[in-house]
Amino acid sequence: MNANLIVVTGCFGAPVKEKSLELARQRGLPLVDLDNEITKRDGRSIRRLVMMNGEHGYRNAVLPA
């Protein structure tokens, strides 16, 4: 299988970043960290956004249906 995009998700506290970086290195793919991209765009950390909006509100604001 020739995949150019792999999406990795996980719960808060899971080693998602570490595993994603390891997978990207193994496959020779770039890594795009959505938490970093959201923080750059919004100016607030993911933790702060969740604290202010709750996880449900955060997900609805960041990932509209």
N, C-alpha and C. Protein backbone atom coordinates (compact mmCIF):
# COMPACT_ATOMS: atom_id res chain seq x y z
N MET A 1 0.85 -1.18 0.00
CA MET A 1 0.00 0.00 0.00
C MET A 1 0.89 1.24 0.00
N ASN A 2 0.59 2.19 -0.85
CA ASN A 2 1.37 3.42 -0.95
C ASN A 2 0.54 4.57 -0.39
N ALA A 3 0.77 4.91 0.87
CA ALA A 3 0.00 5.98 1.52
C ALA A 3 0.89 7.21 1.70
N ASN A 4 0.37 8.35 1.31
CA ASN A 4 1.09 9.60 1.49
C ASN A 4 0.62 10.37 2.71
N LEU A 5 -0.50 9.94 3.30
CA LEU A 5 -1.07 10.62 4.45
C LEU A 5 -1.47 9.59 5.49
N ILE A 6 -0.96 9.78 6.68
CA ILE A 6 -1.33 8.93 7.81
C ILE A 6 -1.82 9.85 8.91
N VAL A 7 -3.00 9.61 9.44
CA VAL A 7 -3.56 10.42 10.51
C VAL A 7 -3.50 9.61 11.79
N VAL A 8 -2.93 10.21 12.82
CA VAL A 8 -2.81 9.55 14.12
C VAL A 8 -3.58 10.37 15.14
N THR A 9 -4.48 9.74 15.86
CA THR A 9 -5.23 10.43 16.90
C THR A 9 -5.08 9.66 18.21
N GLY A 10 -5.42 10.33 19.30
CA GLY A 10 -5.37 9.68 20.60
C GLY A 10 -5.93 10.58 21.67
N CYS A 11 -6.08 10.01 22.83
CA CYS A 11 -6.62 10.74 23.98
C CYS A 11 -5.54 11.63 24.59
N PHE A 12 -5.99 12.63 25.35
CA PHE A 12 -5.05 13.47 26.09
C PHE A 12 -4.20 12.57 26.98
N GLY A 13 -2.90 12.82 26.96
CA GLY A 13 -1.98 12.05 27.78
C GLY A 13 -1.39 10.84 27.08
N ALA A 14 -1.97 10.44 25.95
CA ALA A 14 -1.41 9.32 25.19
C ALA A 14 -0.16 9.82 24.46
N PRO A 15 0.80 8.94 24.21
CA PRO A 15 2.05 9.37 23.55
C PRO A 15 1.89 9.52 22.03
N VAL A 16 0.90 10.29 21.62
CA VAL A 16 0.58 10.43 20.19
C VAL A 16 1.72 11.11 19.44
N LYS A 17 2.25 12.21 19.98
CA LYS A 17 3.33 12.92 19.28
C LYS A 17 4.55 12.04 19.10
N GLU A 18 4.93 11.34 20.15
CA GLU A 18 6.12 10.49 20.09
C GLU A 18 5.95 9.39 19.06
N LYS A 19 4.80 8.74 19.07
CA LYS A 19 4.54 7.64 18.13
C LYS A 19 4.42 8.17 16.71
N SER A 20 3.81 9.34 16.55
CA SER A 20 3.67 9.93 15.22
C SER A 20 5.02 10.29 14.63
N LEU A 21 5.88 10.87 15.44
CA LEU A 21 7.22 11.24 14.99
C LEU A 21 8.01 10.00 14.60
N GLU A 22 7.90 8.96 15.40
CA GLU A 22 8.59 7.70 15.11
C GLU A 22 8.09 7.12 13.78
N LEU A 23 6.79 7.11 13.58
CA LEU A 23 6.20 6.59 12.34
C LEU A 23 6.62 7.42 11.14
N ALA A 24 6.60 8.75 11.27
CA ALA A 24 7.01 9.63 10.18
C ALA A 24 8.46 9.38 9.80
N ARG A 25 9.31 9.23 10.78
CA ARG A 25 10.73 8.97 10.51
C ARG A 25 10.91 7.63 9.82
N GLN A 26 10.21 6.61 10.29
CA GLN A 26 10.32 5.28 9.68
C GLN A 26 9.88 5.29 8.22
N ARG A 27 8.83 6.05 7.92
CA ARG A 27 8.26 6.05 6.57
C ARG A 27 8.85 7.15 5.68
N GLY A 28 9.67 8.03 6.26
CA GLY A 28 10.24 9.12 5.49
C GLY A 28 9.21 10.16 5.08
N LEU A 29 8.22 10.37 5.95
CA LEU A 29 7.15 11.33 5.67
C LEU A 29 7.29 12.56 6.55
N PRO A 30 6.78 13.71 6.09
CA PRO A 30 6.78 14.89 6.95
C PRO A 30 5.73 14.73 8.05
N LEU A 31 5.94 15.39 9.15
CA LEU A 31 5.00 15.36 10.27
C LEU A 31 4.37 16.74 10.41
N VAL A 32 3.06 16.79 10.38
CA VAL A 32 2.32 18.02 10.63
C VAL A 32 1.58 17.83 11.94
N ASP A 33 1.94 18.61 12.93
CA ASP A 33 1.32 18.53 14.25
C ASP A 33 0.16 19.53 14.29
N LEU A 34 -1.06 19.02 14.28
CA LEU A 34 -2.22 19.91 14.24
C LEU A 34 -2.33 20.79 15.48
N ASP A 35 -1.90 20.28 16.64
CA ASP A 35 -1.91 21.12 17.84
C ASP A 35 -1.06 22.37 17.62
N ASN A 36 0.12 22.19 17.04
CA ASN A 36 1.00 23.34 16.77
C ASN A 36 0.38 24.28 15.74
N GLU A 37 -0.23 23.73 14.71
CA GLU A 37 -0.86 24.56 13.68
C GLU A 37 -2.03 25.36 14.24
N ILE A 38 -2.84 24.74 15.09
CA ILE A 38 -3.97 25.43 15.71
C ILE A 38 -3.47 26.52 16.63
N THR A 39 -2.44 26.22 17.42
CA THR A 39 -1.87 27.21 18.34
C THR A 39 -1.30 28.40 17.58
N LYS A 40 -0.62 28.15 16.47
CA LYS A 40 -0.08 29.25 15.64
C LYS A 40 -1.21 30.12 15.11
N ARG A 41 -2.27 29.49 14.62
CA ARG A 41 -3.39 30.24 14.02
C ARG A 41 -4.17 31.02 15.07
N ASP A 42 -4.43 30.39 16.21
CA ASP A 42 -5.29 31.00 17.22
C ASP A 42 -4.52 31.86 18.22
N GLY A 43 -3.27 31.49 18.48
CA GLY A 43 -2.47 32.22 19.46
C GLY A 43 -2.61 31.69 20.89
N ARG A 44 -3.48 30.71 21.09
CA ARG A 44 -3.64 30.10 22.41
C ARG A 44 -3.30 28.62 22.32
N SER A 45 -2.82 28.07 23.43
CA SER A 45 -2.49 26.65 23.46
C SER A 45 -3.77 25.82 23.42
N ILE A 46 -3.61 24.57 23.04
CA ILE A 46 -4.75 23.64 23.02
C ILE A 46 -5.32 23.52 24.43
N ARG A 47 -4.46 23.41 25.41
CA ARG A 47 -4.91 23.31 26.80
C ARG A 47 -5.78 24.51 27.17
N ARG A 48 -5.34 25.70 26.77
CA ARG A 48 -6.09 26.92 27.07
C ARG A 48 -7.43 26.93 26.34
N LEU A 49 -7.43 26.55 25.07
CA LEU A 49 -8.67 26.52 24.31
C LEU A 49 -9.69 25.55 24.92
N VAL A 50 -9.21 24.39 25.36
CA VAL A 50 -10.10 23.41 25.99
C VAL A 50 -10.59 23.93 27.34
N MET A 51 -9.71 24.58 28.10
CA MET A 51 -10.13 25.14 29.39
C MET A 51 -11.22 26.18 29.20
N MET A 52 -11.09 27.00 28.16
CA MET A 52 -12.05 28.09 27.95
C MET A 52 -13.37 27.61 27.34
N ASN A 53 -13.30 26.62 26.46
CA ASN A 53 -14.48 26.20 25.70
C ASN A 53 -14.99 24.81 26.05
N GLY A 54 -14.25 24.08 26.86
CA GLY A 54 -14.57 22.68 27.08
C GLY A 54 -14.14 21.89 25.86
N GLU A 55 -13.95 20.59 26.04
CA GLU A 55 -13.46 19.80 24.91
C GLU A 55 -14.48 19.77 23.77
N HIS A 56 -15.76 19.67 24.09
CA HIS A 56 -16.78 19.63 23.05
C HIS A 56 -16.80 20.96 22.26
N GLY A 57 -16.75 22.07 22.97
CA GLY A 57 -16.74 23.37 22.31
C GLY A 57 -15.49 23.58 21.48
N TYR A 58 -14.37 23.11 21.99
CA TYR A 58 -13.10 23.22 21.27
C TYR A 58 -13.18 22.44 19.96
N ARG A 59 -13.64 21.21 20.03
CA ARG A 59 -13.73 20.37 18.83
C ARG A 59 -14.70 20.96 17.80
N ASN A 60 -15.80 21.51 18.26
CA ASN A 60 -16.75 22.11 17.32
C ASN A 60 -16.19 23.36 16.67
N ALA A 61 -15.40 24.14 17.40
CA ALA A 61 -14.83 25.37 16.86
C ALA A 61 -13.71 25.05 15.88
N VAL A 62 -12.89 24.06 16.19
CA VAL A 62 -11.72 23.74 15.38
C VAL A 62 -12.07 22.83 14.22
N LEU A 63 -12.98 21.91 14.44
CA LEU A 63 -13.33 20.92 13.42
C LEU A 63 -14.82 21.04 13.08
N PRO A 64 -15.21 22.11 12.39
CA PRO A 64 -16.63 22.26 12.09
C PRO A 64 -17.13 21.13 11.21
N ALA A 65 -18.40 20.79 11.41
CA ALA A 65 -19.00 19.66 10.67
C ALA A 65 -19.19 20.00 9.22
